[in-house]
């Protein structure tokens, strides 16, 4: 599973030109056992004080991207993942 998460992370990094990637793992055994990953790109030029956990802030960590651009980005990332397989 970690290999797939790495491939997704690399595909996102290459597609959006991220300076670095953060991969967060969350899960629980309570209720419905599950694990999920957040793959978070850091754009170039972000000041150090706005890095690390700033992605969790609604005022600093959320980009408003139009639906059509998101669909295009998802398709390009998907192609990169398939091409690496």
N, C-alpha and C. Protein backbone atom coordinates (compact mmCIF):
# COMPACT_ATOMS: atom_id res chain seq x y z
N UNK A 1 0.83 -1.19 0.00
CA UNK A 1 0.00 0.00 0.00
C UNK A 1 0.88 1.26 0.00
N UNK A 2 1.97 1.22 0.76
CA UNK A 2 2.85 2.39 0.83
C UNK A 2 3.45 2.72 -0.53
N UNK A 3 3.72 1.71 -1.33
CA UNK A 3 4.25 1.97 -2.69
C UNK A 3 3.25 2.76 -3.52
N UNK A 4 1.98 2.40 -3.40
CA UNK A 4 0.95 3.13 -4.13
C UNK A 4 0.83 4.57 -3.63
N UNK A 5 0.87 4.76 -2.32
CA UNK A 5 0.81 6.12 -1.76
C UNK A 5 1.99 6.94 -2.28
N UNK A 6 3.17 6.32 -2.34
CA UNK A 6 4.35 7.01 -2.86
C UNK A 6 4.15 7.39 -4.33
N UNK A 7 3.63 6.46 -5.14
CA UNK A 7 3.39 6.75 -6.56
C UNK A 7 2.40 7.90 -6.72
N UNK A 8 1.35 7.90 -5.93
CA UNK A 8 0.37 8.99 -5.99
C UNK A 8 1.05 10.30 -5.60
N UNK A 9 1.82 10.27 -4.51
CA UNK A 9 2.51 11.48 -4.05
C UNK A 9 3.45 12.03 -5.12
N UNK A 10 4.22 11.16 -5.76
CA UNK A 10 5.14 11.59 -6.81
C UNK A 10 4.38 12.14 -8.02
N UNK A 11 3.28 11.52 -8.37
CA UNK A 11 2.48 12.00 -9.50
C UNK A 11 1.94 13.39 -9.22
N UNK A 12 1.45 13.61 -8.01
CA UNK A 12 0.94 14.94 -7.63
C UNK A 12 2.08 15.95 -7.65
N UNK A 13 3.22 15.59 -7.04
CA UNK A 13 4.37 16.51 -6.98
C UNK A 13 4.80 16.92 -8.38
N UNK A 14 4.93 15.96 -9.27
CA UNK A 14 5.36 16.27 -10.63
C UNK A 14 4.33 17.11 -11.38
N UNK A 15 3.08 16.82 -11.17
CA UNK A 15 2.03 17.52 -11.92
C UNK A 15 1.85 18.96 -11.46
N UNK A 16 1.96 19.22 -10.16
CA UNK A 16 1.71 20.58 -9.66
C UNK A 16 2.99 21.35 -9.37
N UNK A 17 4.16 20.70 -9.52
CA UNK A 17 5.42 21.39 -9.30
C UNK A 17 5.68 21.72 -7.84
N UNK A 18 5.31 20.81 -6.95
CA UNK A 18 5.48 21.05 -5.51
C UNK A 18 6.95 21.05 -5.12
N UNK A 19 7.27 21.91 -4.16
CA UNK A 19 8.62 21.96 -3.61
C UNK A 19 8.88 20.73 -2.75
N UNK A 20 7.85 20.30 -2.05
CA UNK A 20 7.94 19.12 -1.19
C UNK A 20 6.54 18.58 -1.00
N UNK A 21 6.46 17.34 -0.53
CA UNK A 21 5.17 16.70 -0.30
C UNK A 21 5.06 16.28 1.16
N UNK A 22 3.87 16.44 1.71
CA UNK A 22 3.57 15.91 3.04
C UNK A 22 2.58 14.77 2.85
N UNK A 23 2.83 13.65 3.52
CA UNK A 23 1.91 12.52 3.48
C UNK A 23 1.51 12.22 4.91
N UNK A 24 0.23 12.38 5.19
CA UNK A 24 -0.32 12.16 6.52
C UNK A 24 -1.17 10.90 6.50
N UNK A 25 -1.00 10.06 7.51
CA UNK A 25 -1.78 8.83 7.63
C UNK A 25 -2.69 8.93 8.84
N UNK A 26 -3.95 8.62 8.64
CA UNK A 26 -4.94 8.63 9.71
C UNK A 26 -5.70 7.31 9.68
N UNK A 27 -6.14 6.87 10.82
CA UNK A 27 -6.93 5.65 10.85
C UNK A 27 -7.51 5.42 12.23
N UNK A 28 -8.31 4.37 12.33
CA UNK A 28 -8.97 4.05 13.59
C UNK A 28 -9.40 2.60 13.57
N UNK A 29 -9.40 1.98 14.73
CA UNK A 29 -9.97 0.65 14.88
C UNK A 29 -11.37 0.70 15.46
N UNK A 30 -11.81 1.89 15.84
CA UNK A 30 -13.14 2.04 16.43
C UNK A 30 -14.18 2.25 15.33
N UNK A 31 -15.37 1.77 15.57
CA UNK A 31 -16.43 1.92 14.57
C UNK A 31 -16.11 1.07 13.36
N UNK A 32 -15.76 1.70 12.28
CA UNK A 32 -15.34 0.96 11.09
C UNK A 32 -13.83 1.11 10.94
N UNK A 33 -13.11 0.00 11.05
CA UNK A 33 -11.66 0.04 10.94
C UNK A 33 -11.26 0.57 9.57
N UNK A 34 -10.36 1.55 9.56
CA UNK A 34 -9.96 2.14 8.29
C UNK A 34 -8.64 2.89 8.44
N UNK A 35 -8.03 3.15 7.32
CA UNK A 35 -6.85 4.01 7.23
C UNK A 35 -7.02 4.85 5.98
N UNK A 36 -6.63 6.11 6.06
CA UNK A 36 -6.61 6.93 4.86
C UNK A 36 -5.42 7.87 4.89
N UNK A 37 -5.02 8.30 3.71
CA UNK A 37 -3.85 9.15 3.57
C UNK A 37 -4.25 10.48 2.97
N UNK A 38 -3.58 11.53 3.43
CA UNK A 38 -3.70 12.86 2.83
C UNK A 38 -2.35 13.14 2.17
N UNK A 39 -2.37 13.39 0.88
CA UNK A 39 -1.17 13.73 0.12
C UNK A 39 -1.26 15.22 -0.15
N UNK A 40 -0.35 15.99 0.48
CA UNK A 40 -0.46 17.45 0.49
C UNK A 40 0.78 18.08 -0.14
N UNK A 41 0.64 18.72 -1.31
CA UNK A 41 1.79 19.37 -1.94
C UNK A 41 2.07 20.74 -1.31
N UNK A 42 3.36 21.05 -1.19
CA UNK A 42 3.79 22.38 -0.74
C UNK A 42 4.27 23.14 -1.96
N UNK A 43 3.59 24.23 -2.34
CA UNK A 43 4.03 24.99 -3.51
C UNK A 43 5.38 25.67 -3.25
N UNK A 44 6.15 25.94 -4.29
CA UNK A 44 7.41 26.67 -4.13
C UNK A 44 7.17 28.06 -3.54
N UNK A 45 8.12 28.52 -2.74
CA UNK A 45 8.09 29.89 -2.25
C UNK A 45 7.25 30.14 -1.01
N UNK A 46 6.73 29.09 -0.38
CA UNK A 46 5.93 29.29 0.84
C UNK A 46 6.88 29.58 1.99
N UNK A 47 6.69 30.70 2.72
CA UNK A 47 7.56 31.02 3.85
C UNK A 47 7.56 29.89 4.89
N UNK A 48 8.69 29.69 5.54
CA UNK A 48 8.83 28.58 6.49
C UNK A 48 7.72 28.57 7.54
N UNK A 49 7.36 29.73 8.07
CA UNK A 49 6.34 29.78 9.12
C UNK A 49 4.96 29.34 8.62
N UNK A 50 4.78 29.31 7.32
CA UNK A 50 3.51 28.86 6.75
C UNK A 50 3.58 27.42 6.25
N UNK A 51 4.70 26.76 6.51
CA UNK A 51 4.83 25.36 6.12
C UNK A 51 4.41 24.47 7.29
N UNK A 52 4.80 23.24 7.25
CA UNK A 52 4.53 22.23 8.27
C UNK A 52 3.04 22.00 8.45
N UNK A 53 2.42 22.58 9.47
CA UNK A 53 1.01 22.27 9.73
C UNK A 53 0.05 23.36 9.25
N UNK A 54 0.53 24.32 8.48
CA UNK A 54 -0.37 25.38 7.99
C UNK A 54 -1.44 24.83 7.06
N UNK A 55 -1.18 23.66 6.46
CA UNK A 55 -2.17 23.07 5.54
C UNK A 55 -3.47 22.75 6.26
N UNK A 56 -3.43 22.62 7.58
CA UNK A 56 -4.66 22.32 8.33
C UNK A 56 -5.51 23.56 8.58
N UNK A 57 -4.98 24.73 8.27
CA UNK A 57 -5.69 25.98 8.50
C UNK A 57 -6.59 26.32 7.31
N UNK A 58 -7.86 26.58 7.57
CA UNK A 58 -8.77 26.95 6.49
C UNK A 58 -8.34 28.26 5.84
N UNK A 59 -7.69 29.15 6.59
CA UNK A 59 -7.29 30.44 6.02
C UNK A 59 -6.00 30.35 5.20
N UNK A 60 -5.17 29.33 5.45
CA UNK A 60 -3.90 29.22 4.74
C UNK A 60 -3.77 27.97 3.88
N UNK A 61 -4.52 26.93 4.19
CA UNK A 61 -4.25 25.65 3.57
C UNK A 61 -5.25 25.17 2.54
N UNK A 62 -6.18 26.01 2.12
CA UNK A 62 -7.22 25.55 1.19
C UNK A 62 -7.18 26.40 -0.07
N UNK A 63 -7.13 25.73 -1.20
CA UNK A 63 -7.20 26.43 -2.48
C UNK A 63 -8.58 26.23 -3.08
N UNK A 64 -9.14 27.28 -3.60
CA UNK A 64 -10.42 27.19 -4.32
C UNK A 64 -10.09 26.97 -5.79
N UNK A 65 -10.32 25.76 -6.26
CA UNK A 65 -10.01 25.40 -7.64
C UNK A 65 -11.31 25.04 -8.34
N UNK A 66 -11.59 25.66 -9.48
CA UNK A 66 -12.83 25.35 -10.20
C UNK A 66 -12.93 23.86 -10.53
N UNK A 67 -14.15 23.36 -10.55
CA UNK A 67 -14.42 21.94 -10.76
C UNK A 67 -13.79 21.40 -12.05
N UNK A 68 -13.86 22.17 -13.13
CA UNK A 68 -13.30 21.68 -14.39
C UNK A 68 -11.78 21.55 -14.31
N UNK A 69 -11.12 22.47 -13.60
CA UNK A 69 -9.67 22.38 -13.42
C UNK A 69 -9.32 21.19 -12.54
N UNK A 70 -10.12 20.92 -11.51
CA UNK A 70 -9.88 19.77 -10.64
C UNK A 70 -10.01 18.47 -11.43
N UNK A 71 -11.02 18.39 -12.29
CA UNK A 71 -11.22 17.19 -13.11
C UNK A 71 -10.03 16.98 -14.04
N UNK A 72 -9.54 18.05 -14.64
CA UNK A 72 -8.39 17.96 -15.53
C UNK A 72 -7.14 17.53 -14.75
N UNK A 73 -6.93 18.12 -13.58
CA UNK A 73 -5.79 17.77 -12.74
C UNK A 73 -5.87 16.30 -12.34
N UNK A 74 -7.04 15.84 -11.92
CA UNK A 74 -7.21 14.44 -11.53
C UNK A 74 -6.89 13.51 -12.69
N UNK A 75 -7.31 13.86 -13.89
CA UNK A 75 -7.03 13.02 -15.07
C UNK A 75 -5.53 12.97 -15.35
N UNK A 76 -4.85 14.11 -15.24
CA UNK A 76 -3.40 14.13 -15.50
C UNK A 76 -2.64 13.33 -14.44
N UNK A 77 -3.05 13.47 -13.18
CA UNK A 77 -2.40 12.69 -12.11
C UNK A 77 -2.64 11.20 -12.35
N UNK A 78 -3.86 10.85 -12.72
CA UNK A 78 -4.17 9.45 -13.01
C UNK A 78 -3.30 8.88 -14.12
N UNK A 79 -3.08 9.67 -15.16
CA UNK A 79 -2.22 9.22 -16.27
C UNK A 79 -0.79 8.99 -15.77
N UNK A 80 -0.29 9.90 -14.95
CA UNK A 80 1.07 9.74 -14.41
C UNK A 80 1.18 8.46 -13.59
N UNK A 81 0.17 8.18 -12.78
CA UNK A 81 0.20 6.97 -11.95
C UNK A 81 0.18 5.73 -12.84
N UNK A 82 -0.66 5.72 -13.84
CA UNK A 82 -0.73 4.56 -14.76
C UNK A 82 0.58 4.40 -15.53
N UNK A 83 1.18 5.51 -15.95
CA UNK A 83 2.42 5.45 -16.72
C UNK A 83 3.58 4.89 -15.90
N UNK A 84 3.54 5.09 -14.58
CA UNK A 84 4.60 4.60 -13.70
C UNK A 84 4.45 3.11 -13.41
N UNK A 85 3.25 2.58 -13.59
CA UNK A 85 2.99 1.17 -13.22
C UNK A 85 3.71 0.21 -14.13
